[in-house]
Amino acid sequence: MGLGTFRRTALVTGAAGFVGSHLVDRLLDEGYEVVGLDNLMTGDLANLSEASRDPHFHFQSGDVRDPLHVYAEIVFNLACPASPVHYQRDPYATFTTSVLGAKNLVDMARGSRCRIIHASTSEVYGDPAVSPQPESYWGNVNPIGERACYDEGKRGAETLLSDAVRIWGVDGRIVRVFNTYGPRMAFADGRVVSNFVTQALSQSPLSIYGSGTQSRSFCYISDLVDGIVRIGHAEAFRGPVNLGNPEEFTVRELAGLVLELTRSRSTIEAHPLPSDDPKVRRPDISRARALVGWEPKIPLREGLRQTIEDFRQRMADAPRSGAP
């Protein structure tokens, strides 16, 4: 956008998180005025170091569980701990962030007619009985298990938003985010990519839970953000929409690739499989292709190279910063 051009205002909740901060950068590049909201439960202001130098970015400390008093024409809701270590640490906060956050955003949209792009998760499918998972699949979720605070919280938020669309005509758009990785991931946060990369660079054993034959599909962060933005721009929407990479790898295959790319001497260490851990995870992205022409472009090997380099640099800086 040139000088004097009207800037649309976007609100990004969870702005200091891994995905949120990359989305903030993309929206600023596209010429938005961006308000970033975060209570820093799991977010890190260091993720916004680049955005904070842009006069069109405005950080606001706040919690989506509280009434929102922010002007925005489009809202990207990414406010919720997303890694097992983080979301199981305070399950009550995790569940209420999803459900009360969605409720407050619906209230905001009803008053201002803003558009909501809500980041749900592939975890709404639970431990799936079908693969790949299409949006029409209702899932196989344990509602009282250790992961339920996240899985059922996200499912409840989808319900609230879907009812608001039906009853009040709210422009609410649900994207179901599958495993995503890339620079700025938190060290050893319980996600398999960050765990493996941190362990490999530290020459520590790579922790594999269960047999390692369970599968995951890994989407690089720039691809995911591109999909989210395309959904936000689309004139028509029919959702929910899966966003993820349909290429499937076993956990053991990922471990081997991380060891190769890091040239690590780490061994592999087996641990018991956590309860309700999904055995397969692979998105059907036919709807995203048809709706907005989206599909991921970055292959796993290339994305891991960039992720490893980012982790290597941040870990080298850790003694000065006090992390990890």
C-alpha atoms as a PDB file:
ATOM      1  CA  MET A   1       0.000   0.000   0.000  1.00  0.00           C
ATOM      2  CA  GLY A   2       1.306   3.434  -0.877  1.00  0.00           C
ATOM      3  CA  LEU A   3       1.379   6.598   1.198  1.00  0.00           C
ATOM      4  CA  GLY A   4      -2.074   7.866   1.995  1.00  0.00           C
ATOM      5  CA  THR A   5      -3.679   4.515   1.216  1.00  0.00           C
ATOM      6  CA  PHE A   6      -6.305   3.364   3.686  1.00  0.00           C
ATOM      7  CA  ARG A   7      -5.014   0.559   5.887  1.00  0.00           C
ATOM      8  CA  ARG A   8      -7.362  -2.132   7.134  1.00  0.00           C
ATOM      9  CA  THR A   9      -6.914  -2.955  10.795  1.00  0.00           C
ATOM     10  CA  ALA A  10      -6.282  -6.558  11.786  1.00  0.00           C
ATOM     11  CA  LEU A  11      -6.320  -7.951  15.308  1.00  0.00           C
ATOM     12  CA  VAL A  12      -4.117 -10.985  15.968  1.00  0.00           C
ATOM     13  CA  THR A  13      -4.759 -12.714  19.280  1.00  0.00           C
ATOM     14  CA  GLY A  14      -1.891 -14.867  20.511  1.00  0.00           C
ATOM     15  CA  ALA A  15       0.375 -12.487  18.603  1.00  0.00           C
ATOM     16  CA  ALA A  16       3.543 -13.284  20.566  1.00  0.00           C
ATOM     17  CA  GLY A  17       3.289 -17.000  19.888  1.00  0.00           C
ATOM     18  CA  PHE A  18       5.062 -19.037  17.229  1.00  0.00           C
ATOM     19  CA  VAL A  19       2.333 -18.885  14.576  1.00  0.00           C
ATOM     20  CA  GLY A  20       0.893 -15.548  15.697  1.00  0.00           C
ATOM     21  CA  SER A  21       4.165 -13.657  15.326  1.00  0.00           C
ATOM     22  CA  HIS A  22       4.750 -14.969  11.799  1.00  0.00           C
ATOM     23  CA  LEU A  23       1.188 -13.975  10.896  1.00  0.00           C
ATOM     24  CA  VAL A  24       1.791 -10.474  12.297  1.00  0.00           C
ATOM     25  CA  ASP A  25       4.861 -10.107  10.068  1.00  0.00           C
ATOM     26  CA  ARG A  26       2.915 -11.235   6.997  1.00  0.00           C
ATOM     27  CA  LEU A  27       0.027  -8.840   7.665  1.00  0.00           C
ATOM     28  CA  LEU A  28       2.407  -5.917   8.141  1.00  0.00           C
ATOM     29  CA  ASP A  29       4.086  -6.809   4.841  1.00  0.00           C
ATOM     30  CA  GLU A  30       0.640  -6.713   3.210  1.00  0.00           C
ATOM     31  CA  GLY A  31      -0.004  -3.188   4.491  1.00  0.00           C
ATOM     32  CA  TYR A  32      -2.309  -3.814   7.441  1.00  0.00           C
ATOM     33  CA  GLU A  33      -2.448  -1.830  10.624  1.00  0.00           C
ATOM     34  CA  VAL A  34      -1.966  -4.653  13.122  1.00  0.00           C
ATOM     35  CA  VAL A  35      -2.950  -4.886  16.771  1.00  0.00           C
ATOM     36  CA  GLY A  36      -1.330  -7.819  18.558  1.00  0.00           C
ATOM     37  CA  LEU A  37      -3.018  -9.100  21.719  1.00  0.00           C
ATOM     38  CA  ASP A  38      -1.327 -11.585  24.054  1.00  0.00           C
ATOM     39  CA  ASN A  39      -1.322 -12.372  27.768  1.00  0.00           C
ATOM     40  CA  LEU A  40       2.140 -13.971  27.394  1.00  0.00           C
ATOM     41  CA  MET A  41       0.995 -17.205  29.025  1.00  0.00           C
ATOM     42  CA  THR A  42       3.159 -19.014  26.478  1.00  0.00           C
ATOM     43  CA  GLY A  43       4.044 -16.239  24.026  1.00  0.00           C
ATOM     44  CA  ASP A  44       7.424 -14.514  23.888  1.00  0.00           C
ATOM     45  CA  LEU A  45       7.870 -10.821  23.092  1.00  0.00           C
ATOM     46  CA  ALA A  46      11.162 -11.703  21.393  1.00  0.00           C
ATOM     47  CA  ASN A  47       9.053 -13.206  18.596  1.00  0.00           C
ATOM     48  CA  LEU A  48       7.742  -9.698  17.892  1.00  0.00           C
ATOM     49  CA  SER A  49      11.131  -7.973  17.821  1.00  0.00           C
ATOM     50  CA  GLU A  50      10.897  -7.304  14.089  1.00  0.00           C
ATOM     51  CA  ALA A  51       7.236  -6.263  14.187  1.00  0.00           C
ATOM     52  CA  SER A  52       7.825  -3.914  17.124  1.00  0.00           C
ATOM     53  CA  ARG A  53      10.030  -1.747  14.917  1.00  0.00           C
ATOM     54  CA  ASP A  54       7.122  -1.151  12.530  1.00  0.00           C
ATOM     55  CA  PRO A  55       4.997   1.920  13.417  1.00  0.00           C
ATOM     56  CA  HIS A  56       1.922   0.111  12.102  1.00  0.00           C
ATOM     57  CA  PHE A  57       2.148  -2.595  14.784  1.00  0.00           C
ATOM     58  CA  HIS A  58       0.601  -2.043  18.192  1.00  0.00           C
ATOM     59  CA  PHE A  59       1.050  -4.573  20.982  1.00  0.00           C
ATOM     60  CA  GLN A  60      -1.636  -4.811  23.638  1.00  0.00           C
ATOM     61  CA  SER A  61      -1.313  -6.941  26.754  1.00  0.00           C
ATOM     62  CA  GLY A  62      -4.628  -8.682  27.279  1.00  0.00           C
ATOM     63  CA  ASP A  63      -6.547 -11.918  27.554  1.00  0.00           C
ATOM     64  CA  VAL A  64      -9.264 -13.105  25.164  1.00  0.00           C
ATOM     65  CA  ARG A  65     -11.171 -14.448  28.168  1.00  0.00           C
ATOM     66  CA  ASP A  66     -11.872 -10.824  29.105  1.00  0.00           C
ATOM     67  CA  PRO A  67     -14.227  -8.554  27.135  1.00  0.00           C
ATOM     68  CA  LEU A  68     -12.429  -7.187  24.071  1.00  0.00           C
ATOM     69  CA  HIS A  69     -12.317  -3.454  23.400  1.00  0.00           C
ATOM     70  CA  VAL A  70     -10.273  -3.341  20.206  1.00  0.00           C
ATOM     71  CA  TYR A  71     -11.279  -1.968  16.822  1.00  0.00           C
ATOM     72  CA  ALA A  72     -10.539  -4.299  13.931  1.00  0.00           C
ATOM     73  CA  GLU A  73     -12.099  -5.176  10.595  1.00  0.00           C
ATOM     74  CA  ILE A  74     -10.597  -8.656  10.586  1.00  0.00           C
ATOM     75  CA  VAL A  75      -9.580 -10.833  13.542  1.00  0.00           C
ATOM     76  CA  PHE A  76      -7.198 -13.780  13.475  1.00  0.00           C
ATOM     77  CA  ASN A  77      -7.731 -15.770  16.656  1.00  0.00           C
ATOM     78  CA  LEU A  78      -4.662 -17.785  17.622  1.00  0.00           C
ATOM     79  CA  ALA A  79      -4.973 -17.345  21.375  1.00  0.00           C
ATOM     80  CA  CYS A  80      -4.458 -20.710  23.075  1.00  0.00           C
ATOM     81  CA  PRO A  81      -1.496 -22.776  24.253  1.00  0.00           C
ATOM     82  CA  ALA A  82      -0.907 -25.256  21.441  1.00  0.00           C
ATOM     83  CA  SER A  83       1.798 -27.651  22.597  1.00  0.00           C
ATOM     84  CA  PRO A  84       1.130 -30.547  25.003  1.00  0.00           C
ATOM     85  CA  VAL A  85       3.623 -29.280  27.595  1.00  0.00           C
ATOM     86  CA  HIS A  86       1.944 -25.881  27.659  1.00  0.00           C
ATOM     87  CA  TYR A  87      -1.722 -26.787  27.364  1.00  0.00           C
ATOM     88  CA  GLN A  88      -1.560 -29.536  29.987  1.00  0.00           C
ATOM     89  CA  ARG A  89       0.234 -27.278  32.465  1.00  0.00           C
ATOM     90  CA  ASP A  90      -2.984 -25.372  33.169  1.00  0.00           C
ATOM     91  CA  PRO A  91      -5.857 -27.296  31.566  1.00  0.00           C
ATOM     92  CA  TYR A  92      -8.512 -24.965  32.978  1.00  0.00           C
ATOM     93  CA  ALA A  93      -6.847 -21.930  31.387  1.00  0.00           C
ATOM     94  CA  THR A  94      -6.469 -23.833  28.113  1.00  0.00           C
ATOM     95  CA  PHE A  95     -10.119 -24.827  27.915  1.00  0.00           C
ATOM     96  CA  THR A  96     -11.482 -21.426  28.951  1.00  0.00           C
ATOM     97  CA  THR A  97      -9.143 -19.585  26.572  1.00  0.00           C
ATOM     98  CA  SER A  98     -10.632 -21.540  23.673  1.00  0.00           C
ATOM     99  CA  VAL A  99     -14.295 -21.325  24.659  1.00  0.00           C
ATOM    100  CA  LEU A 100     -14.546 -17.936  26.394  1.00  0.00           C
ATOM    101  CA  GLY A 101     -12.211 -16.448  23.794  1.00  0.00           C
ATOM    102  CA  ALA A 102     -14.494 -17.600  21.000  1.00  0.00           C
ATOM    103  CA  LYS A 103     -17.532 -16.260  22.869  1.00  0.00           C
ATOM    104  CA  ASN A 104     -15.927 -12.822  23.317  1.00  0.00           C
ATOM    105  CA  LEU A 105     -14.891 -12.680  19.680  1.00  0.00           C
ATOM    106  CA  VAL A 106     -18.430 -13.526  18.608  1.00  0.00           C
ATOM    107  CA  ASP A 107     -19.722 -10.700  20.812  1.00  0.00           C
ATOM    108  CA  MET A 108     -17.190  -8.365  19.209  1.00  0.00           C
ATOM    109  CA  ALA A 109     -18.150  -9.443  15.693  1.00  0.00           C
ATOM    110  CA  ARG A 110     -21.858  -8.988  16.357  1.00  0.00           C
ATOM    111  CA  GLY A 111     -21.223  -5.416  17.431  1.00  0.00           C
ATOM    112  CA  SER A 112     -18.782  -4.356  14.713  1.00  0.00           C
ATOM    113  CA  ARG A 113     -19.423  -6.845  11.867  1.00  0.00           C
ATOM    114  CA  CYS A 114     -15.754  -7.789  11.695  1.00  0.00           C
ATOM    115  CA  ARG A 115     -14.560 -11.012  10.077  1.00  0.00           C
ATOM    116  CA  ILE A 116     -13.130 -13.752  12.336  1.00  0.00           C
ATOM    117  CA  ILE A 117     -10.590 -16.326  11.185  1.00  0.00           C
ATOM    118  CA  HIS A 118     -10.427 -18.826  14.027  1.00  0.00           C
ATOM    119  CA  ALA A 119      -7.445 -21.162  14.337  1.00  0.00           C
ATOM    120  CA  SER A 120      -8.780 -24.528  15.370  1.00  0.00           C
ATOM    121  CA  THR A 121      -6.667 -27.669  15.254  1.00  0.00           C
ATOM    122  CA  SER A 122      -6.290 -31.120  13.772  1.00  0.00           C
ATOM    123  CA  GLU A 123      -6.703 -32.343  17.357  1.00  0.00           C
ATOM    124  CA  VAL A 124     -10.481 -32.000  16.914  1.00  0.00           C
ATOM    125  CA  TYR A 125     -10.137 -35.296  15.032  1.00  0.00           C
ATOM    126  CA  GLY A 126      -8.573 -36.958  18.093  1.00  0.00           C
ATOM    127  CA  ASP A 127      -7.089 -40.396  17.432  1.00  0.00           C
ATOM    128  CA  PRO A 128      -8.734 -40.741  14.008  1.00  0.00           C
ATOM    129  CA  ALA A 129     -10.297 -43.883  12.622  1.00  0.00           C
ATOM    130  CA  VAL A 130      -9.947 -42.564   9.050  1.00  0.00           C
ATOM    131  CA  SER A 131      -6.941 -41.232   7.171  1.00  0.00           C
ATOM    132  CA  PRO A 132      -6.453 -38.767   5.637  1.00  0.00           C
ATOM    133  CA  GLN A 133      -8.844 -36.691   7.740  1.00  0.00           C
ATOM    134  CA  PRO A 134     -11.464 -34.737   5.751  1.00  0.00           C
ATOM    135  CA  GLU A 135     -13.376 -31.864   7.328  1.00  0.00           C
ATOM    136  CA  SER A 136     -16.516 -34.023   7.270  1.00  0.00           C
ATOM    137  CA  TYR A 137     -14.981 -36.468   9.778  1.00  0.00           C
ATOM    138  CA  TRP A 138     -16.396 -35.881  13.282  1.00  0.00           C
ATOM    139  CA  GLY A 139     -13.393 -37.234  15.129  1.00  0.00           C
ATOM    140  CA  ASN A 140     -12.565 -39.694  17.886  1.00  0.00           C
ATOM    141  CA  VAL A 141     -11.836 -37.650  21.010  1.00  0.00           C
ATOM    142  CA  ASN A 142     -11.674 -38.702  24.667  1.00  0.00           C
ATOM    143  CA  PRO A 143     -13.669 -35.920  26.392  1.00  0.00           C
ATOM    144  CA  ILE A 144     -12.194 -36.598  29.861  1.00  0.00           C
ATOM    145  CA  GLY A 145      -8.583 -37.423  28.995  1.00  0.00           C
ATOM    146  CA  GLU A 146      -5.434 -35.409  29.656  1.00  0.00           C
ATOM    147  CA  ARG A 147      -5.581 -33.856  26.167  1.00  0.00           C
ATOM    148  CA  ALA A 148      -9.290 -32.982  26.396  1.00  0.00           C
ATOM    149  CA  CYS A 149      -8.654 -29.450  27.670  1.00  0.00           C
ATOM    150  CA  TYR A 150      -7.201 -28.650  24.250  1.00  0.00           C
ATOM    151  CA  ASP A 151      -9.123 -31.038  21.991  1.00  0.00           C
ATOM    152  CA  GLU A 152     -12.561 -30.355  23.463  1.00  0.00           C
ATOM    153  CA  GLY A 153     -11.832 -26.682  24.051  1.00  0.00           C
ATOM    154  CA  LYS A 154     -11.173 -26.267  20.334  1.00  0.00           C
ATOM    155  CA  ARG A 155     -14.250 -28.327  19.452  1.00  0.00           C
ATOM    156  CA  GLY A 156     -16.373 -26.167  21.761  1.00  0.00           C
ATOM    157  CA  ALA A 157     -15.007 -23.000  20.160  1.00  0.00           C
ATOM    158  CA  GLU A 158     -15.946 -24.370  16.730  1.00  0.00           C
ATOM    159  CA  THR A 159     -19.478 -24.970  18.010  1.00  0.00           C
ATOM    160  CA  LEU A 160     -19.826 -21.417  19.326  1.00  0.00           C
ATOM    161  CA  LEU A 161     -18.540 -19.879  16.130  1.00  0.00           C
ATOM    162  CA  SER A 162     -20.622 -22.132  13.875  1.00  0.00           C
ATOM    163  CA  ASP A 163     -23.801 -21.290  15.810  1.00  0.00           C
ATOM    164  CA  ALA A 164     -22.988 -17.581  15.539  1.00  0.00           C
ATOM    165  CA  VAL A 165     -22.653 -17.946  11.776  1.00  0.00           C
ATOM    166  CA  ARG A 166     -26.008 -19.732  11.527  1.00  0.00           C
ATOM    167  CA  ILE A 167     -27.977 -17.588  13.973  1.00  0.00           C
ATOM    168  CA  TRP A 168     -26.558 -14.090  13.580  1.00  0.00           C
ATOM    169  CA  GLY A 169     -24.780 -14.188  10.244  1.00  0.00           C
ATOM    170  CA  VAL A 170     -21.350 -13.596  11.789  1.00  0.00           C
ATOM    171  CA  ASP A 171     -18.555 -13.901   9.229  1.00  0.00           C
ATOM    172  CA  GLY A 172     -16.676 -16.632  11.082  1.00  0.00           C
ATOM    173  CA  ARG A 173     -14.125 -18.856   9.364  1.00  0.00           C
ATOM    174  CA  ILE A 174     -12.628 -21.961  10.955  1.00  0.00           C
ATOM    175  CA  VAL A 175      -9.235 -23.281   9.878  1.00  0.00           C
ATOM    176  CA  ARG A 176      -8.019 -26.578  11.320  1.00  0.00           C
ATOM    177  CA  VAL A 177      -4.255 -26.302  11.705  1.00  0.00           C
ATOM    178  CA  PHE A 178      -2.193 -29.475  11.384  1.00  0.00           C
ATOM    179  CA  ASN A 179       1.355 -29.974  12.714  1.00  0.00           C
ATOM    180  CA  THR A 180       3.320 -26.829  11.903  1.00  0.00           C
ATOM    181  CA  TYR A 181       7.016 -26.150  12.446  1.00  0.00           C
ATOM    182  CA  GLY A 182       9.644 -23.520  11.739  1.00  0.00           C
ATOM    183  CA  PRO A 183      11.739 -20.732  13.271  1.00  0.00           C
ATOM    184  CA  ARG A 184      10.586 -19.292  16.607  1.00  0.00           C
ATOM    185  CA  MET A 185       9.188 -22.559  17.942  1.00  0.00           C
ATOM    186  CA  ALA A 186       9.764 -22.775  21.696  1.00  0.00           C
ATOM    187  CA  PHE A 187      12.595 -25.055  22.771  1.00  0.00           C
ATOM    188  CA  ALA A 188      11.484 -28.562  23.798  1.00  0.00           C
ATOM    189  CA  ASP A 189       7.814 -27.610  24.055  1.00  0.00           C
ATOM    190  CA  GLY A 190       6.552 -31.159  23.650  1.00  0.00           C
ATOM    191  CA  ARG A 191       6.102 -30.938  19.882  1.00  0.00           C
ATOM    192  CA  VAL A 192       8.084 -33.549  18.051  1.00  0.00           C
ATOM    193  CA  VAL A 193      10.037 -31.231  15.722  1.00  0.00           C
ATOM    194  CA  SER A 194      11.182 -28.832  18.439  1.00  0.00           C
ATOM    195  CA  ASN A 195      12.005 -31.723  20.779  1.00  0.00           C
ATOM    196  CA  PHE A 196      14.077 -33.568  18.180  1.00  0.00           C
ATOM    197  CA  VAL A 197      15.951 -30.491  16.965  1.00  0.00           C
ATOM    198  CA  THR A 198      16.762 -29.311  20.503  1.00  0.00           C
ATOM    199  CA  GLN A 199      17.895 -32.780  21.542  1.00  0.00           C
ATOM    200  CA  ALA A 200      19.967 -33.350  18.410  1.00  0.00           C
ATOM    201  CA  LEU A 201      21.774 -30.018  18.680  1.00  0.00           C
ATOM    202  CA  SER A 202      22.436 -30.718  22.373  1.00  0.00           C
ATOM    203  CA  GLN A 203      23.779 -34.189  21.531  1.00  0.00           C
ATOM    204  CA  SER A 204      21.085 -35.634  23.809  1.00  0.00           C
ATOM    205  CA  PRO A 205      19.074 -38.795  23.041  1.00  0.00           C
ATOM    206  CA  LEU A 206      16.038 -38.197  20.819  1.00  0.00           C
ATOM    207  CA  SER A 207      12.900 -39.142  22.744  1.00  0.00           C
ATOM    208  CA  ILE A 208      10.551 -41.379  20.759  1.00  0.00           C
ATOM    209  CA  TYR A 209       7.246 -42.229  22.393  1.00  0.00           C
ATOM    210  CA  GLY A 210       5.815 -45.630  21.593  1.00  0.00           C
ATOM    211  CA  SER A 211       7.102 -47.504  18.556  1.00  0.00           C
ATOM    212  CA  GLY A 212       7.775 -44.392  16.497  1.00  0.00           C
ATOM    213  CA  THR A 213       5.620 -45.768  13.699  1.00  0.00           C
ATOM    214  CA  GLN A 214       2.863 -43.233  14.399  1.00  0.00           C
ATOM    215  CA  SER A 215       2.654 -40.713  11.562  1.00  0.00           C
ATOM    216  CA  ARG A 216       2.541 -36.946  11.347  1.00  0.00           C
ATOM    217  CA  SER A 217       2.292 -34.418   8.496  1.00  0.00           C
ATOM    218  CA  PHE A 218       4.545 -31.385   8.876  1.00  0.00           C
ATOM    219  CA  CYS A 219       3.654 -27.987   7.399  1.00  0.00           C
ATOM    220  CA  TYR A 220       6.265 -25.224   7.289  1.00  0.00           C
ATOM    221  CA  ILE A 221       5.216 -21.982   8.964  1.00  0.00           C
ATOM    222  CA  SER A 222       5.266 -19.772   5.860  1.00  0.00           C
ATOM    223  CA  ASP A 223       2.945 -22.189   4.070  1.00  0.00           C
ATOM    224  CA  LEU A 224       0.505 -22.232   6.970  1.00  0.00           C
ATOM    225  CA  VAL A 225       0.452 -18.435   7.273  1.00  0.00           C
ATOM    226  CA  ASP A 226      -0.172 -18.150   3.536  1.00  0.00           C
ATOM    227  CA  GLY A 227      -3.196 -20.430   3.910  1.00  0.00           C
ATOM    228  CA  ILE A 228      -4.571 -18.481   6.859  1.00  0.00           C
ATOM    229  CA  VAL A 229      -4.227 -15.175   5.002  1.00  0.00           C
ATOM    230  CA  ARG A 230      -5.864 -16.587   1.874  1.00  0.00           C
ATOM    231  CA  ILE A 231      -8.836 -17.746   3.951  1.00  0.00           C
ATOM    232  CA  GLY A 232      -9.024 -14.256   5.442  1.00  0.00           C
ATOM    233  CA  HIS A 233      -9.089 -12.649   1.996  1.00  0.00           C
ATOM    234  CA  ALA A 234     -11.556 -15.049   0.356  1.00  0.00           C
ATOM    235  CA  GLU A 235     -14.830 -13.472  -0.708  1.00  0.00           C
ATOM    236  CA  ALA A 236     -16.785 -16.673  -0.140  1.00  0.00           C
ATOM    237  CA  PHE A 237     -16.135 -19.271   2.522  1.00  0.00           C
ATOM    238  CA  ARG A 238     -17.305 -22.802   3.161  1.00  0.00           C
ATOM    239  CA  GLY A 239     -15.670 -24.417   6.125  1.00  0.00           C
ATOM    240  CA  PRO A 240     -14.108 -25.610   8.272  1.00  0.00           C
ATOM    241  CA  VAL A 241     -10.948 -25.898   6.197  1.00  0.00           C
ATOM    242  CA  ASN A 242      -7.922 -28.094   6.886  1.00  0.00           C
ATOM    243  CA  LEU A 243      -4.523 -26.403   6.562  1.00  0.00           C
ATOM    244  CA  GLY A 244      -1.578 -28.763   6.658  1.00  0.00           C
ATOM    245  CA  ASN A 245       0.869 -30.718   4.555  1.00  0.00           C
ATOM    246  CA  PRO A 246      -0.630 -33.978   3.249  1.00  0.00           C
ATOM    247  CA  GLU A 247       2.812 -35.628   2.962  1.00  0.00           C
ATOM    248  CA  GLU A 248       3.034 -38.177   5.794  1.00  0.00           C
ATOM    249  CA  PHE A 249       6.105 -39.286   7.764  1.00  0.00           C
ATOM    250  CA  THR A 250       6.576 -41.630  10.692  1.00  0.00           C
ATOM    251  CA  VAL A 251       8.125 -40.202  13.839  1.00  0.00           C
ATOM    252  CA  ARG A 252      11.147 -42.470  13.293  1.00  0.00           C
ATOM    253  CA  GLU A 253      11.588 -41.100   9.769  1.00  0.00           C
ATOM    254  CA  LEU A 254      11.538 -37.567  11.173  1.00  0.00           C
ATOM    255  CA  ALA A 255      14.130 -38.517  13.798  1.00  0.00           C
ATOM    256  CA  GLY A 256      16.434 -39.922  11.117  1.00  0.00           C
ATOM    257  CA  LEU A 257      16.120 -36.787   8.992  1.00  0.00           C
ATOM    258  CA  VAL A 258      16.854 -34.488  11.961  1.00  0.00           C
ATOM    259  CA  LEU A 259      19.940 -36.555  12.860  1.00  0.00           C
ATOM    260  CA  GLU A 260      21.135 -36.382   9.249  1.00  0.00           C
ATOM    261  CA  LEU A 261      20.651 -32.630   8.872  1.00  0.00           C
ATOM    262  CA  THR A 262      22.162 -31.742  12.259  1.00  0.00           C
ATOM    263  CA  ARG A 263      24.990 -34.305  11.891  1.00  0.00           C
ATOM    264  CA  SER A 264      24.270 -35.172  15.489  1.00  0.00           C
ATOM    265  CA  ARG A 265      25.733 -38.126  17.368  1.00  0.00           C
ATOM    266  CA  SER A 266      22.538 -38.453  19.405  1.00  0.00           C
ATOM    267  CA  THR A 267      21.002 -41.864  19.960  1.00  0.00           C
ATOM    268  CA  ILE A 268      17.286 -42.688  20.070  1.00  0.00           C
ATOM    269  CA  GLU A 269      15.610 -43.358  23.410  1.00  0.00           C
ATOM    270  CA  ALA A 270      12.217 -45.077  23.697  1.00  0.00           C
ATOM    271  CA  HIS A 271       9.504 -43.895  26.109  1.00  0.00           C
ATOM    272  CA  PRO A 272       5.917 -45.053  26.772  1.00  0.00           C
ATOM    273  CA  LEU A 273       3.281 -43.590  24.461  1.00  0.00           C
ATOM    274  CA  PRO A 274       1.197 -40.856  26.190  1.00  0.00           C
ATOM    275  CA  SER A 275      -2.510 -41.504  26.596  1.00  0.00           C
ATOM    276  CA  ASP A 276      -4.763 -40.588  23.655  1.00  0.00           C
ATOM    277  CA  ASP A 277      -1.790 -39.789  21.425  1.00  0.00           C
ATOM    278  CA  PRO A 278      -3.018 -40.003  17.798  1.00  0.00           C
ATOM    279  CA  LYS A 279      -1.514 -42.823  15.742  1.00  0.00           C
ATOM    280  CA  VAL A 280      -2.013 -41.081  12.392  1.00  0.00           C
ATOM    281  CA  ARG A 281      -2.308 -37.456  11.371  1.00  0.00           C
ATOM    282  CA  ARG A 282      -2.712 -36.453   7.745  1.00  0.00           C
ATOM    283  CA  PRO A 283      -4.973 -33.741   6.307  1.00  0.00           C
ATOM    284  CA  ASP A 284      -7.212 -33.947   3.296  1.00  0.00           C
ATOM    285  CA  ILE A 285      -6.672 -30.474   1.810  1.00  0.00           C
ATOM    286  CA  SER A 286      -9.047 -30.788  -1.147  1.00  0.00           C
ATOM    287  CA  ARG A 287     -11.278 -28.042   0.244  1.00  0.00           C
ATOM    288  CA  ALA A 288      -8.391 -25.578   0.700  1.00  0.00           C
ATOM    289  CA  ARG A 289      -7.238 -26.238  -2.856  1.00  0.00           C
ATOM    290  CA  ALA A 290     -10.728 -25.693  -4.271  1.00  0.00           C
ATOM    291  CA  LEU A 291     -11.608 -22.680  -2.127  1.00  0.00           C
ATOM    292  CA  VAL A 292      -8.455 -20.556  -2.232  1.00  0.00           C
ATOM    293  CA  GLY A 293      -5.999 -22.487  -4.423  1.00  0.00           C
ATOM    294  CA  TRP A 294      -3.771 -23.273  -1.450  1.00  0.00           C
ATOM    295  CA  GLU A 295      -1.312 -26.077  -0.952  1.00  0.00           C
ATOM    296  CA  PRO A 296       2.047 -26.182   0.842  1.00  0.00           C
ATOM    297  CA  LYS A 297       5.244 -25.568  -1.129  1.00  0.00           C
ATOM    298  CA  ILE A 298       8.128 -26.135   1.298  1.00  0.00           C
ATOM    299  CA  PRO A 299       9.324 -29.774   1.496  1.00  0.00           C
ATOM    300  CA  LEU A 300      10.188 -31.160   4.922  1.00  0.00           C
ATOM    301  CA  ARG A 301      13.928 -31.358   4.290  1.00  0.00           C
ATOM    302  CA  GLU A 302      14.140 -27.675   3.308  1.00  0.00           C
ATOM    303  CA  GLY A 303      11.894 -26.531   6.142  1.00  0.00           C
ATOM    304  CA  LEU A 304      13.930 -28.506   8.665  1.00  0.00           C
ATOM    305  CA  ARG A 305      17.162 -26.916   7.391  1.00  0.00           C
ATOM    306  CA  GLN A 306      15.780 -23.456   8.108  1.00  0.00           C
ATOM    307  CA  THR A 307      14.340 -24.529  11.451  1.00  0.00           C
ATOM    308  CA  ILE A 308      17.612 -26.143  12.561  1.00  0.00           C
ATOM    309  CA  GLU A 309      19.586 -23.028  11.641  1.00  0.00           C
ATOM    310  CA  ASP A 310      17.198 -20.866  13.685  1.00  0.00           C
ATOM    311  CA  PHE A 311      17.429 -23.224  16.674  1.00  0.00           C
ATOM    312  CA  ARG A 312      21.221 -23.392  16.376  1.00  0.00           C
ATOM    313  CA  GLN A 313      21.492 -19.594  16.474  1.00  0.00           C
ATOM    314  CA  ARG A 314      19.080 -19.150  19.377  1.00  0.00           C
ATOM    315  CA  MET A 315      20.707 -21.936  21.385  1.00  0.00           C
ATOM    316  CA  ALA A 316      24.111 -20.309  20.851  1.00  0.00           C
ATOM    317  CA  ASP A 317      22.654 -17.063  22.204  1.00  0.00           C
ATOM    318  CA  ALA A 318      21.012 -18.867  25.150  1.00  0.00           C
ATOM    319  CA  PRO A 319      23.821 -18.255  27.706  1.00  0.00           C
ATOM    320  CA  ARG A 320      23.443 -14.529  27.105  1.00  0.00           C
ATOM    321  CA  SER A 321      19.626 -14.555  27.133  1.00  0.00           C
ATOM    322  CA  GLY A 322      19.135 -17.099  29.898  1.00  0.00           C
ATOM    323  CA  ALA A 323      17.238 -19.560  27.665  1.00  0.00           C
ATOM    324  CA  PRO A 324      16.348 -22.310  27.194  1.00  0.00           C
END
